[in-house]
Amino acid sequence: MWCFGISGLNQHQSFRLLEENNTELRGILIQAIGYNRICDELKAIQLDSFREYDLIKIDADADVEPIVLLKMICPSTGYTHVLRVPPSMESAREAITWINWGVDPLYFAVES
């Protein structure tokens, strides 16, 4: 269990974030720590982009295999959503299709 206030987050909290199994708590921590700080601290690199999606890889020795994430900034709320995808993913479009059970993002309605 995490026992600290938002103001008590230090520079090493991003690494502890990788160990958190509770999805709701992890989401709160991501918002509190901030996506940019997490990417900086964990040495994330952007592999690809498609529309409002970015495919990101974290090579930190945090897991058995590289961590590949699909990041999306919601057009209507501005919130950042991040999901882990298989490490074999090489394009954002491929990862979006995988997340959406095989539906290609070209078939999505575009929000404005």
PDB file of N, CA and C in Angstrom:
ATOM      1  N   MET A   1       0.846  -1.187   0.000  1.00  0.00           N
ATOM      2  CA  MET A   1       0.000   0.000   0.000  1.00  0.00           C
ATOM      3  C   MET A   1       0.880   1.235   0.000  1.00  0.00           C
ATOM      4  N   TRP A   2       0.473   2.243  -0.732  1.00  0.00           N
ATOM      5  CA  TRP A   2       1.207   3.508  -0.833  1.00  0.00           C
ATOM      6  C   TRP A   2       0.732   4.418   0.286  1.00  0.00           C
ATOM      7  N   CYS A   3       1.644   4.909   1.080  1.00  0.00           N
ATOM      8  CA  CYS A   3       1.296   5.779   2.193  1.00  0.00           C
ATOM      9  C   CYS A   3       2.052   7.091   2.079  1.00  0.00           C
ATOM     10  N   PHE A   4       1.636   7.948   1.190  1.00  0.00           N
ATOM     11  CA  PHE A   4       2.235   9.262   1.057  1.00  0.00           C
ATOM     12  C   PHE A   4       1.243  10.170   0.360  1.00  0.00           C
ATOM     13  N   GLY A   5       1.398  11.443   0.585  1.00  0.00           N
ATOM     14  CA  GLY A   5       0.548  12.423  -0.085  1.00  0.00           C
ATOM     15  C   GLY A   5       1.103  12.708  -1.470  1.00  0.00           C
ATOM     16  N   ILE A   6       0.311  13.332  -2.299  1.00  0.00           N
ATOM     17  CA  ILE A   6       0.743  13.693  -3.639  1.00  0.00           C
ATOM     18  C   ILE A   6       2.008  14.531  -3.574  1.00  0.00           C
ATOM     19  N   SER A   7       2.095  15.437  -2.597  1.00  0.00           N
ATOM     20  CA  SER A   7       3.279  16.281  -2.473  1.00  0.00           C
ATOM     21  C   SER A   7       4.495  15.486  -2.008  1.00  0.00           C
ATOM     22  N   GLY A   8       4.290  14.265  -1.507  1.00  0.00           N
ATOM     23  CA  GLY A   8       5.389  13.450  -1.018  1.00  0.00           C
ATOM     24  C   GLY A   8       6.036  12.579  -2.078  1.00  0.00           C
ATOM     25  N   LEU A   9       5.650  12.732  -3.336  1.00  0.00           N
ATOM     26  CA  LEU A   9       6.232  11.932  -4.401  1.00  0.00           C
ATOM     27  C   LEU A   9       7.658  12.391  -4.660  1.00  0.00           C
ATOM     28  N   ASN A  10       8.607  11.456  -4.627  1.00  0.00           N
ATOM     29  CA  ASN A  10       9.982  11.834  -4.924  1.00  0.00           C
ATOM     30  C   ASN A  10      10.382  11.332  -6.297  1.00  0.00           C
ATOM     31  N   GLN A  11      11.606  11.583  -6.682  1.00  0.00           N
ATOM     32  CA  GLN A  11      12.033  11.279  -8.044  1.00  0.00           C
ATOM     33  C   GLN A  11      12.092   9.794  -8.360  1.00  0.00           C
ATOM     34  N   HIS A  12      11.994   8.941  -7.387  1.00  0.00           N
ATOM     35  CA  HIS A  12      12.090   7.502  -7.658  1.00  0.00           C
ATOM     36  C   HIS A  12      10.735   6.812  -7.695  1.00  0.00           C
ATOM     37  N   GLN A  13       9.658   7.553  -7.582  1.00  0.00           N
ATOM     38  CA  GLN A  13       8.328   6.948  -7.551  1.00  0.00           C
ATOM     39  C   GLN A  13       7.952   6.295  -8.877  1.00  0.00           C
ATOM     40  N   SER A  14       8.504   6.758  -9.976  1.00  0.00           N
ATOM     41  CA  SER A  14       8.178   6.162 -11.278  1.00  0.00           C
ATOM     42  C   SER A  14       8.549   4.691 -11.307  1.00  0.00           C
ATOM     43  N   PHE A  15       9.664   4.321 -10.710  1.00  0.00           N
ATOM     44  CA  PHE A  15      10.075   2.921 -10.685  1.00  0.00           C
ATOM     45  C   PHE A  15       9.128   2.097  -9.820  1.00  0.00           C
ATOM     46  N   ARG A  16       8.669   2.654  -8.724  1.00  0.00           N
ATOM     47  CA  ARG A  16       7.726   1.946  -7.854  1.00  0.00           C
ATOM     48  C   ARG A  16       6.382   1.778  -8.552  1.00  0.00           C
ATOM     49  N   LEU A  17       6.055   2.687  -9.445  1.00  0.00           N
ATOM     50  CA  LEU A  17       4.816   2.615 -10.200  1.00  0.00           C
ATOM     51  C   LEU A  17       4.723   1.308 -10.982  1.00  0.00           C
ATOM     52  N   LEU A  18       5.857   0.842 -11.496  1.00  0.00           N
ATOM     53  CA  LEU A  18       5.889  -0.394 -12.272  1.00  0.00           C
ATOM     54  C   LEU A  18       5.523  -1.619 -11.434  1.00  0.00           C
ATOM     55  N   GLU A  19       5.695  -1.515 -10.118  1.00  0.00           N
ATOM     56  CA  GLU A  19       5.407  -2.637  -9.222  1.00  0.00           C
ATOM     57  C   GLU A  19       3.953  -2.663  -8.762  1.00  0.00           C
ATOM     58  N   GLU A  20       3.215  -1.558  -8.958  1.00  0.00           N
ATOM     59  CA  GLU A  20       1.837  -1.456  -8.476  1.00  0.00           C
ATOM     60  C   GLU A  20       0.898  -2.291  -9.338  1.00  0.00           C
ATOM     61  N   ASN A  21       0.134  -3.191  -8.698  1.00  0.00           N
ATOM     62  CA  ASN A  21      -0.793  -4.069  -9.408  1.00  0.00           C
ATOM     63  C   ASN A  21      -2.213  -3.524  -9.463  1.00  0.00           C
ATOM     64  N   ASN A  22      -2.564  -2.618  -8.562  1.00  0.00           N
ATOM     65  CA  ASN A  22      -3.907  -2.063  -8.512  1.00  0.00           C
ATOM     66  C   ASN A  22      -4.062  -1.030  -9.629  1.00  0.00           C
ATOM     67  N   THR A  23      -4.923  -1.320 -10.593  1.00  0.00           N
ATOM     68  CA  THR A  23      -5.096  -0.473 -11.769  1.00  0.00           C
ATOM     69  C   THR A  23      -5.564   0.932 -11.404  1.00  0.00           C
ATOM     70  N   GLU A  24      -6.521   1.042 -10.493  1.00  0.00           N
ATOM     71  CA  GLU A  24      -7.030   2.354 -10.111  1.00  0.00           C
ATOM     72  C   GLU A  24      -5.953   3.187  -9.427  1.00  0.00           C
ATOM     73  N   LEU A  25      -5.215   2.578  -8.525  1.00  0.00           N
ATOM     74  CA  LEU A  25      -4.141   3.283  -7.831  1.00  0.00           C
ATOM     75  C   LEU A  25      -3.031   3.669  -8.804  1.00  0.00           C
ATOM     76  N   ARG A  26      -2.719   2.778  -9.730  1.00  0.00           N
ATOM     77  CA  ARG A  26      -1.700   3.078 -10.736  1.00  0.00           C
ATOM     78  C   ARG A  26      -2.117   4.283 -11.582  1.00  0.00           C
ATOM     79  N   GLY A  27      -3.400   4.362 -11.938  1.00  0.00           N
ATOM     80  CA  GLY A  27      -3.902   5.502 -12.701  1.00  0.00           C
ATOM     81  C   GLY A  27      -3.778   6.809 -11.928  1.00  0.00           C
ATOM     82  N   ILE A  28      -4.081   6.773 -10.641  1.00  0.00           N
ATOM     83  CA  ILE A  28      -3.948   7.959  -9.792  1.00  0.00           C
ATOM     84  C   ILE A  28      -2.486   8.379  -9.709  1.00  0.00           C
ATOM     85  N   LEU A  29      -1.606   7.399  -9.553  1.00  0.00           N
ATOM     86  CA  LEU A  29      -0.174   7.706  -9.473  1.00  0.00           C
ATOM     87  C   LEU A  29       0.356   8.280 -10.779  1.00  0.00           C
ATOM     88  N   ILE A  30      -0.103   7.749 -11.900  1.00  0.00           N
ATOM     89  CA  ILE A  30       0.331   8.273 -13.202  1.00  0.00           C
ATOM     90  C   ILE A  30      -0.087   9.732 -13.321  1.00  0.00           C
ATOM     91  N   GLN A  31      -1.308  10.053 -12.919  1.00  0.00           N
ATOM     92  CA  GLN A  31      -1.763  11.446 -12.972  1.00  0.00           C
ATOM     93  C   GLN A  31      -0.945  12.323 -12.028  1.00  0.00           C
ATOM     94  N   ALA A  32      -0.649  11.805 -10.834  1.00  0.00           N
ATOM     95  CA  ALA A  32       0.085  12.597  -9.844  1.00  0.00           C
ATOM     96  C   ALA A  32       1.554  12.807 -10.236  1.00  0.00           C
ATOM     97  N   ILE A  33       2.193  11.757 -10.700  1.00  0.00           N
ATOM     98  CA  ILE A  33       3.606  11.845 -11.073  1.00  0.00           C
ATOM     99  C   ILE A  33       3.750  12.626 -12.372  1.00  0.00           C
ATOM    100  N   GLY A  34       2.848  12.369 -13.286  1.00  0.00           N
ATOM    101  CA  GLY A  34       2.897  13.049 -14.578  1.00  0.00           C
ATOM    102  C   GLY A  34       3.576  12.190 -15.624  1.00  0.00           C
ATOM    103  N   TYR A  35       2.924  12.112 -16.768  1.00  0.00           N
ATOM    104  CA  TYR A  35       3.407  11.271 -17.855  1.00  0.00           C
ATOM    105  C   TYR A  35       4.826  11.644 -18.289  1.00  0.00           C
ATOM    106  N   ASN A  36       5.101  12.937 -18.432  1.00  0.00           N
ATOM    107  CA  ASN A  36       6.430  13.361 -18.891  1.00  0.00           C
ATOM    108  C   ASN A  36       7.523  12.952 -17.919  1.00  0.00           C
ATOM    109  N   ARG A  37       7.272  13.116 -16.625  1.00  0.00           N
ATOM    110  CA  ARG A  37       8.270  12.737 -15.618  1.00  0.00           C
ATOM    111  C   ARG A  37       8.500  11.229 -15.618  1.00  0.00           C
ATOM    112  N   ILE A  38       7.435  10.462 -15.756  1.00  0.00           N
ATOM    113  CA  ILE A  38       7.565   9.002 -15.803  1.00  0.00           C
ATOM    114  C   ILE A  38       8.438   8.588 -16.981  1.00  0.00           C
ATOM    115  N   CYS A  39       8.167   9.150 -18.143  1.00  0.00           N
ATOM    116  CA  CYS A  39       8.949   8.815 -19.335  1.00  0.00           C
ATOM    117  C   CYS A  39      10.406   9.227 -19.177  1.00  0.00           C
ATOM    118  N   ASP A  40      10.647  10.385 -18.580  1.00  0.00           N
ATOM    119  CA  ASP A  40      12.027  10.831 -18.364  1.00  0.00           C
ATOM    120  C   ASP A  40      12.768   9.904 -17.406  1.00  0.00           C
ATOM    121  N   GLU A  41      12.151   9.602 -16.274  1.00  0.00           N
ATOM    122  CA  GLU A  41      12.804   8.791 -15.253  1.00  0.00           C
ATOM    123  C   GLU A  41      13.027   7.355 -15.706  1.00  0.00           C
ATOM    124  N   LEU A  42      12.132   6.835 -16.524  1.00  0.00           N
ATOM    125  CA  LEU A  42      12.248   5.449 -16.960  1.00  0.00           C
ATOM    126  C   LEU A  42      12.909   5.334 -18.338  1.00  0.00           C
ATOM    127  N   LYS A  43      13.436   6.435 -18.840  1.00  0.00           N
ATOM    128  CA  LYS A  43      14.173   6.459 -20.117  1.00  0.00           C
ATOM    129  C   LYS A  43      13.345   5.899 -21.273  1.00  0.00           C
ATOM    130  N   ALA A  44      12.109   6.359 -21.374  1.00  0.00           N
ATOM    131  CA  ALA A  44      11.213   5.898 -22.440  1.00  0.00           C
ATOM    132  C   ALA A  44      11.611   6.512 -23.776  1.00  0.00           C
ATOM    133  N   ILE A  45      11.425   5.723 -24.825  1.00  0.00           N
ATOM    134  CA  ILE A  45      11.660   6.230 -26.181  1.00  0.00           C
ATOM    135  C   ILE A  45      10.387   6.030 -26.997  1.00  0.00           C
ATOM    136  N   GLN A  46      10.097   7.000 -27.846  1.00  0.00           N
ATOM    137  CA  GLN A  46       8.923   6.901 -28.708  1.00  0.00           C
ATOM    138  C   GLN A  46       9.290   6.088 -29.940  1.00  0.00           C
ATOM    139  N   LEU A  47       8.526   5.025 -30.181  1.00  0.00           N
ATOM    140  CA  LEU A  47       8.770   4.158 -31.329  1.00  0.00           C
ATOM    141  C   LEU A  47       7.997   4.609 -32.564  1.00  0.00           C
ATOM    142  N   ASP A  48       6.751   5.092 -32.344  1.00  0.00           N
ATOM    143  CA  ASP A  48       5.888   5.425 -33.467  1.00  0.00           C
ATOM    144  C   ASP A  48       4.723   6.270 -32.966  1.00  0.00           C
ATOM    145  N   SER A  49       4.024   6.925 -33.887  1.00  0.00           N
ATOM    146  CA  SER A  49       2.825   7.705 -33.580  1.00  0.00           C
ATOM    147  C   SER A  49       1.766   7.446 -34.648  1.00  0.00           C
ATOM    148  N   PHE A  50       0.502   7.569 -34.245  1.00  0.00           N
ATOM    149  CA  PHE A  50      -0.623   7.488 -35.169  1.00  0.00           C
ATOM    150  C   PHE A  50      -1.756   8.288 -34.549  1.00  0.00           C
ATOM    151  N   ARG A  51      -2.143   9.378 -35.212  1.00  0.00           N
ATOM    152  CA  ARG A  51      -3.171  10.292 -34.693  1.00  0.00           C
ATOM    153  C   ARG A  51      -2.806  10.729 -33.278  1.00  0.00           C
ATOM    154  N   GLU A  52      -3.697  10.526 -32.312  1.00  0.00           N
ATOM    155  CA  GLU A  52      -3.417  10.952 -30.936  1.00  0.00           C
ATOM    156  C   GLU A  52      -2.732   9.880 -30.106  1.00  0.00           C
ATOM    157  N   TYR A  53      -2.214   8.844 -30.755  1.00  0.00           N
ATOM    158  CA  TYR A  53      -1.570   7.720 -30.081  1.00  0.00           C
ATOM    159  C   TYR A  53      -0.050   7.756 -30.265  1.00  0.00           C
ATOM    160  N   ASP A  54       0.671   7.346 -29.218  1.00  0.00           N
ATOM    161  CA  ASP A  54       2.123   7.167 -29.291  1.00  0.00           C
ATOM    162  C   ASP A  54       2.455   5.777 -28.781  1.00  0.00           C
ATOM    163  N   LEU A  55       3.361   5.101 -29.460  1.00  0.00           N
ATOM    164  CA  LEU A  55       3.875   3.808 -29.013  1.00  0.00           C
ATOM    165  C   LEU A  55       5.218   4.078 -28.357  1.00  0.00           C
ATOM    166  N   ILE A  56       5.362   3.658 -27.114  1.00  0.00           N
ATOM    167  CA  ILE A  56       6.532   3.996 -26.312  1.00  0.00           C
ATOM    168  C   ILE A  56       7.155   2.725 -25.740  1.00  0.00           C
ATOM    169  N   LYS A  57       8.474   2.731 -25.656  1.00  0.00           N
ATOM    170  CA  LYS A  57       9.201   1.578 -25.118  1.00  0.00           C
ATOM    171  C   LYS A  57      10.042   2.016 -23.933  1.00  0.00           C
ATOM    172  N   ILE A  58       9.998   1.214 -22.865  1.00  0.00           N
ATOM    173  CA  ILE A  58      10.821   1.443 -21.679  1.00  0.00           C
ATOM    174  C   ILE A  58      11.746   0.248 -21.544  1.00  0.00           C
ATOM    175  N   ASP A  59      13.044   0.507 -21.643  1.00  0.00           N
ATOM    176  CA  ASP A  59      14.022  -0.573 -21.558  1.00  0.00           C
ATOM    177  C   ASP A  59      14.543  -0.793 -20.145  1.00  0.00           C
ATOM    178  N   ALA A  60      14.021  -0.071 -19.175  1.00  0.00           N
ATOM    179  CA  ALA A  60      14.490  -0.206 -17.801  1.00  0.00           C
ATOM    180  C   ALA A  60      14.426  -1.667 -17.373  1.00  0.00           C
ATOM    181  N   ASP A  61      15.323  -2.057 -16.503  1.00  0.00           N
ATOM    182  CA  ASP A  61      15.338  -3.430 -16.003  1.00  0.00           C
ATOM    183  C   ASP A  61      14.209  -3.637 -14.995  1.00  0.00           C
ATOM    184  N   ALA A  62      13.026  -3.220 -15.396  1.00  0.00           N
ATOM    185  CA  ALA A  62      11.879  -3.296 -14.508  1.00  0.00           C
ATOM    186  C   ALA A  62      11.105  -4.588 -14.688  1.00  0.00           C
ATOM    187  N   ASP A  63      11.342  -5.280 -15.775  1.00  0.00           N
ATOM    188  CA  ASP A  63      10.582  -6.485 -16.058  1.00  0.00           C
ATOM    189  C   ASP A  63      11.474  -7.443 -16.844  1.00  0.00           C
ATOM    190  N   VAL A  64      10.985  -8.638 -17.069  1.00  0.00           N
ATOM    191  CA  VAL A  64      11.728  -9.657 -17.789  1.00  0.00           C
ATOM    192  C   VAL A  64      11.950  -9.252 -19.246  1.00  0.00           C
ATOM    193  N   GLU A  65      10.973  -8.574 -19.819  1.00  0.00           N
ATOM    194  CA  GLU A  65      11.049  -8.135 -21.212  1.00  0.00           C
ATOM    195  C   GLU A  65      10.811  -6.630 -21.280  1.00  0.00           C
ATOM    196  N   PRO A  66      11.157  -6.002 -22.394  1.00  0.00           N
ATOM    197  CA  PRO A  66      10.920  -4.566 -22.508  1.00  0.00           C
ATOM    198  C   PRO A  66       9.442  -4.231 -22.318  1.00  0.00           C
ATOM    199  N   ILE A  67       9.181  -3.070 -21.771  1.00  0.00           N
ATOM    200  CA  ILE A  67       7.820  -2.604 -21.559  1.00  0.00           C
ATOM    201  C   ILE A  67       7.453  -1.713 -22.737  1.00  0.00           C
ATOM    202  N   VAL A  68       6.413  -2.105 -23.461  1.00  0.00           N
ATOM    203  CA  VAL A  68       5.927  -1.311 -24.595  1.00  0.00           C
ATOM    204  C   VAL A  68       4.522  -0.828 -24.231  1.00  0.00           C
ATOM    205  N   LEU A  69       4.333   0.483 -24.359  1.00  0.00           N
ATOM    206  CA  LEU A  69       3.092   1.115 -23.946  1.00  0.00           C
ATOM    207  C   LEU A  69       2.452   1.874 -25.104  1.00  0.00           C
ATOM    208  N   LEU A  70       1.142   1.873 -25.121  1.00  0.00           N
ATOM    209  CA  LEU A  70       0.394   2.683 -26.072  1.00  0.00           C
ATOM    210  C   LEU A  70      -0.225   3.821 -25.271  1.00  0.00           C
ATOM    211  N   LYS A  71       0.148   5.054 -25.617  1.00  0.00           N
ATOM    212  CA  LYS A  71      -0.352   6.239 -24.922  1.00  0.00           C
ATOM    213  C   LYS A  71      -1.340   6.948 -25.829  1.00  0.00           C
ATOM    214  N   MET A  72      -2.462   7.378 -25.245  1.00  0.00           N
ATOM    215  CA  MET A  72      -3.463   8.109 -25.996  1.00  0.00           C
ATOM    216  C   MET A  72      -3.917   9.297 -25.167  1.00  0.00           C
ATOM    217  N   ILE A  73      -3.967  10.460 -25.800  1.00  0.00           N
ATOM    218  CA  ILE A  73      -4.524  11.628 -25.143  1.00  0.00           C
ATOM    219  C   ILE A  73      -5.952  11.771 -25.647  1.00  0.00           C
ATOM    220  N   CYS A  74      -6.902  11.652 -24.749  1.00  0.00           N
ATOM    221  CA  CYS A  74      -8.321  11.700 -25.102  1.00  0.00           C
ATOM    222  C   CYS A  74      -8.667  13.080 -25.656  1.00  0.00           C
ATOM    223  N   PRO A  75      -9.197  13.138 -26.881  1.00  0.00           N
ATOM    224  CA  PRO A  75      -9.524  14.427 -27.489  1.00  0.00           C
ATOM    225  C   PRO A  75     -10.591  15.212 -26.721  1.00  0.00           C
ATOM    226  N   SER A  76     -11.517  14.516 -26.070  1.00  0.00           N
ATOM    227  CA  SER A  76     -12.608  15.219 -25.399  1.00  0.00           C
ATOM    228  C   SER A  76     -12.270  15.651 -23.976  1.00  0.00           C
ATOM    229  N   THR A  77     -11.447  14.879 -23.256  1.00  0.00           N
ATOM    230  CA  THR A  77     -11.149  15.215 -21.858  1.00  0.00           C
ATOM    231  C   THR A  77      -9.737  15.748 -21.655  1.00  0.00           C
ATOM    232  N   GLY A  78      -8.828  15.410 -22.586  1.00  0.00           N
ATOM    233  CA  GLY A  78      -7.433  15.813 -22.425  1.00  0.00           C
ATOM    234  C   GLY A  78      -6.640  14.889 -21.515  1.00  0.00           C
ATOM    235  N   TYR A  79      -7.283  13.873 -20.963  1.00  0.00           N
ATOM    236  CA  TYR A  79      -6.586  12.929 -20.088  1.00  0.00           C
ATOM    237  C   TYR A  79      -5.684  12.012 -20.893  1.00  0.00           C
ATOM    238  N   THR A  80      -4.583  11.615 -20.281  1.00  0.00           N
ATOM    239  CA  THR A  80      -3.654  10.679 -20.902  1.00  0.00           C
ATOM    240  C   THR A  80      -3.989   9.280 -20.412  1.00  0.00           C
ATOM    241  N   HIS A  81      -4.159   8.353 -21.339  1.00  0.00           N
ATOM    242  CA  HIS A  81      -4.413   6.951 -21.019  1.00  0.00           C
ATOM    243  C   HIS A  81      -3.244   6.140 -21.553  1.00  0.00           C
ATOM    244  N   VAL A  82      -2.760   5.203 -20.749  1.00  0.00           N
ATOM    245  CA  VAL A  82      -1.617   4.391 -21.145  1.00  0.00           C
ATOM    246  C   VAL A  82      -1.948   2.924 -20.890  1.00  0.00           C
ATOM    247  N   LEU A  83      -1.717   2.091 -21.910  1.00  0.00           N
ATOM    248  CA  LEU A  83      -1.936   0.652 -21.791  1.00  0.00           C
ATOM    249  C   LEU A  83      -0.683  -0.087 -22.229  1.00  0.00           C
ATOM    250  N   ARG A  84      -0.404  -1.173 -21.547  1.00  0.00           N
ATOM    251  CA  ARG A  84       0.735  -2.002 -21.946  1.00  0.00           C
ATOM    252  C   ARG A  84       0.313  -2.922 -23.081  1.00  0.00           C
ATOM    253  N   VAL A  85       1.193  -3.052 -24.075  1.00  0.00           N
ATOM    254  CA  VAL A  85       0.940  -3.920 -25.226  1.00  0.00           C
ATOM    255  C   VAL A  85       2.091  -4.920 -25.330  1.00  0.00           C
ATOM    256  N   PRO A  86       1.932  -5.975 -26.123  1.00  0.00           N
ATOM    257  CA  PRO A  86       3.019  -6.955 -26.265  1.00  0.00           C
ATOM    258  C   PRO A  86       4.313  -6.295 -26.773  1.00  0.00           C
ATOM    259  N   PRO A  87       5.459  -6.759 -26.294  1.00  0.00           N
ATOM    260  CA  PRO A  87       6.741  -6.156 -26.682  1.00  0.00           C
ATOM    261  C   PRO A  87       7.072  -6.313 -28.159  1.00  0.00           C
ATOM    262  N   SER A  88       6.342  -7.150 -28.860  1.00  0.00           N
ATOM    263  CA  SER A  88       6.589  -7.345 -30.291  1.00  0.00           C
ATOM    264  C   SER A  88       5.987  -6.237 -31.151  1.00  0.00           C
ATOM    265  N   MET A  89       5.149  -5.385 -30.557  1.00  0.00           N
ATOM    266  CA  MET A  89       4.501  -4.307 -31.311  1.00  0.00           C
ATOM    267  C   MET A  89       5.549  -3.306 -31.798  1.00  0.00           C
ATOM    268  N   GLU A  90       5.458  -2.945 -33.097  1.00  0.00           N
ATOM    269  CA  GLU A  90       6.428  -2.020 -33.675  1.00  0.00           C
ATOM    270  C   GLU A  90       5.790  -0.740 -34.204  1.00  0.00           C
ATOM    271  N   SER A  91       4.459  -0.741 -34.359  1.00  0.00           N
ATOM    272  CA  SER A  91       3.799   0.472 -34.846  1.00  0.00           C
ATOM    273  C   SER A  91       2.613   0.796 -33.939  1.00  0.00           C
ATOM    274  N   ALA A  92       2.331   2.085 -33.835  1.00  0.00           N
ATOM    275  CA  ALA A  92       1.196   2.519 -33.022  1.00  0.00           C
ATOM    276  C   ALA A  92      -0.107   1.954 -33.584  1.00  0.00           C
ATOM    277  N   ARG A  93      -0.236   1.966 -34.896  1.00  0.00           N
ATOM    278  CA  ARG A  93      -1.456   1.457 -35.526  1.00  0.00           C
ATOM    279  C   ARG A  93      -1.655  -0.032 -35.208  1.00  0.00           C
ATOM    280  N   GLU A  94      -0.598  -0.810 -35.238  1.00  0.00           N
ATOM    281  CA  GLU A  94      -0.666  -2.235 -34.890  1.00  0.00           C
ATOM    282  C   GLU A  94      -1.111  -2.404 -33.437  1.00  0.00           C
ATOM    283  N   ALA A  95      -0.571  -1.580 -32.539  1.00  0.00           N
ATOM    284  CA  ALA A  95      -0.928  -1.663 -31.123  1.00  0.00           C
ATOM    285  C   ALA A  95      -2.378  -1.250 -30.890  1.00  0.00           C
ATOM    286  N   ILE A  96      -2.834  -0.212 -31.593  1.00  0.00           N
ATOM    287  CA  ILE A  96      -4.229   0.230 -31.480  1.00  0.00           C
ATOM    288  C   ILE A  96      -5.166  -0.897 -31.924  1.00  0.00           C
ATOM    289  N   THR A  97      -4.826  -1.537 -33.021  1.00  0.00           N
ATOM    290  CA  THR A  97      -5.629  -2.654 -33.530  1.00  0.00           C
ATOM    291  C   THR A  97      -5.663  -3.789 -32.518  1.00  0.00           C
ATOM    292  N   TRP A  98      -4.525  -4.103 -31.899  1.00  0.00           N
ATOM    293  CA  TRP A  98      -4.443  -5.179 -30.903  1.00  0.00           C
ATOM    294  C   TRP A  98      -5.324  -4.846 -29.702  1.00  0.00           C
ATOM    295  N   ILE A  99      -5.240  -3.607 -29.206  1.00  0.00           N
ATOM    296  CA  ILE A  99      -6.024  -3.173 -28.043  1.00  0.00           C
ATOM    297  C   ILE A  99      -7.525  -3.271 -28.333  1.00  0.00           C
ATOM    298  N   ASN A 100      -7.916  -2.993 -29.577  1.00  0.00           N
ATOM    299  CA  ASN A 100      -9.329  -2.955 -29.949  1.00  0.00           C
ATOM    300  C   ASN A 100      -9.802  -4.237 -30.634  1.00  0.00           C
ATOM    301  N   TRP A 101      -9.245  -5.360 -30.233  1.00  0.00           N
ATOM    302  CA  TRP A 101      -9.691  -6.684 -30.672  1.00  0.00           C
ATOM    303  C   TRP A 101      -9.706  -6.824 -32.185  1.00  0.00           C
ATOM    304  N   GLY A 102      -8.669  -6.307 -32.848  1.00  0.00           N
ATOM    305  CA  GLY A 102      -8.537  -6.500 -34.279  1.00  0.00           C
ATOM    306  C   GLY A 102      -9.175  -5.436 -35.153  1.00  0.00           C
ATOM    307  N   VAL A 103      -9.789  -4.423 -34.553  1.00  0.00           N
ATOM    308  CA  VAL A 103     -10.410  -3.356 -35.340  1.00  0.00           C
ATOM    309  C   VAL A 103      -9.350  -2.310 -35.677  1.00  0.00           C
ATOM    310  N   ASP A 104      -9.127  -2.100 -36.964  1.00  0.00           N
ATOM    311  CA  ASP A 104      -8.135  -1.133 -37.430  1.00  0.00           C
ATOM    312  C   ASP A 104      -8.604   0.277 -37.087  1.00  0.00           C
ATOM    313  N   PRO A 105      -7.708   1.141 -36.606  1.00  0.00           N
ATOM    314  CA  PRO A 105      -8.117   2.503 -36.227  1.00  0.00           C
ATOM    315  C   PRO A 105      -8.614   3.352 -37.385  1.00  0.00           C
ATOM    316  N   LEU A 106      -8.378   2.945 -38.603  1.00  0.00           N
ATOM    317  CA  LEU A 106      -8.916   3.688 -39.750  1.00  0.00           C
ATOM    318  C   LEU A 106     -10.440   3.612 -39.795  1.00  0.00           C
ATOM    319  N   TYR A 107     -11.022   2.627 -39.084  1.00  0.00           N
ATOM    320  CA  TYR A 107     -12.462   2.477 -39.036  1.00  0.00           C
ATOM    321  C   TYR A 107     -13.097   3.252 -37.886  1.00  0.00           C
ATOM    322  N   PHE A 108     -12.273   3.891 -37.025  1.00  0.00           N
ATOM    323  CA  PHE A 108     -12.796   4.684 -35.909  1.00  0.00           C
ATOM    324  C   PHE A 108     -13.326   6.009 -36.449  1.00  0.00           C
ATOM    325  N   ALA A 109     -14.335   6.524 -35.785  1.00  0.00           N
ATOM    326  CA  ALA A 109     -14.791   7.880 -36.097  1.00  0.00           C
ATOM    327  C   ALA A 109     -13.769   8.853 -35.512  1.00  0.00           C
ATOM    328  N   VAL A 110     -13.454   9.885 -36.242  1.00  0.00           N
ATOM    329  CA  VAL A 110     -12.487  10.874 -35.779  1.00  0.00           C
ATOM    330  C   VAL A 110     -13.225  11.920 -34.956  1.00  0.00           C
ATOM    331  N   GLU A 111     -12.731  12.166 -33.716  1.00  0.00           N
ATOM    332  CA  GLU A 111     -13.329  13.185 -32.869  1.00  0.00           C
ATOM    333  C   GLU A 111     -12.756  14.545 -33.194  1.00  0.00           C
ATOM    334  N   SER A 112     -13.573  15.544 -33.041  1.00  0.00           N
ATOM    335  CA  SER A 112     -13.067  16.902 -33.252  1.00  0.00           C
ATOM    336  C   SER A 112     -13.356  17.764 -32.050  1.00  0.00           C
TER     337      SER A 112
END
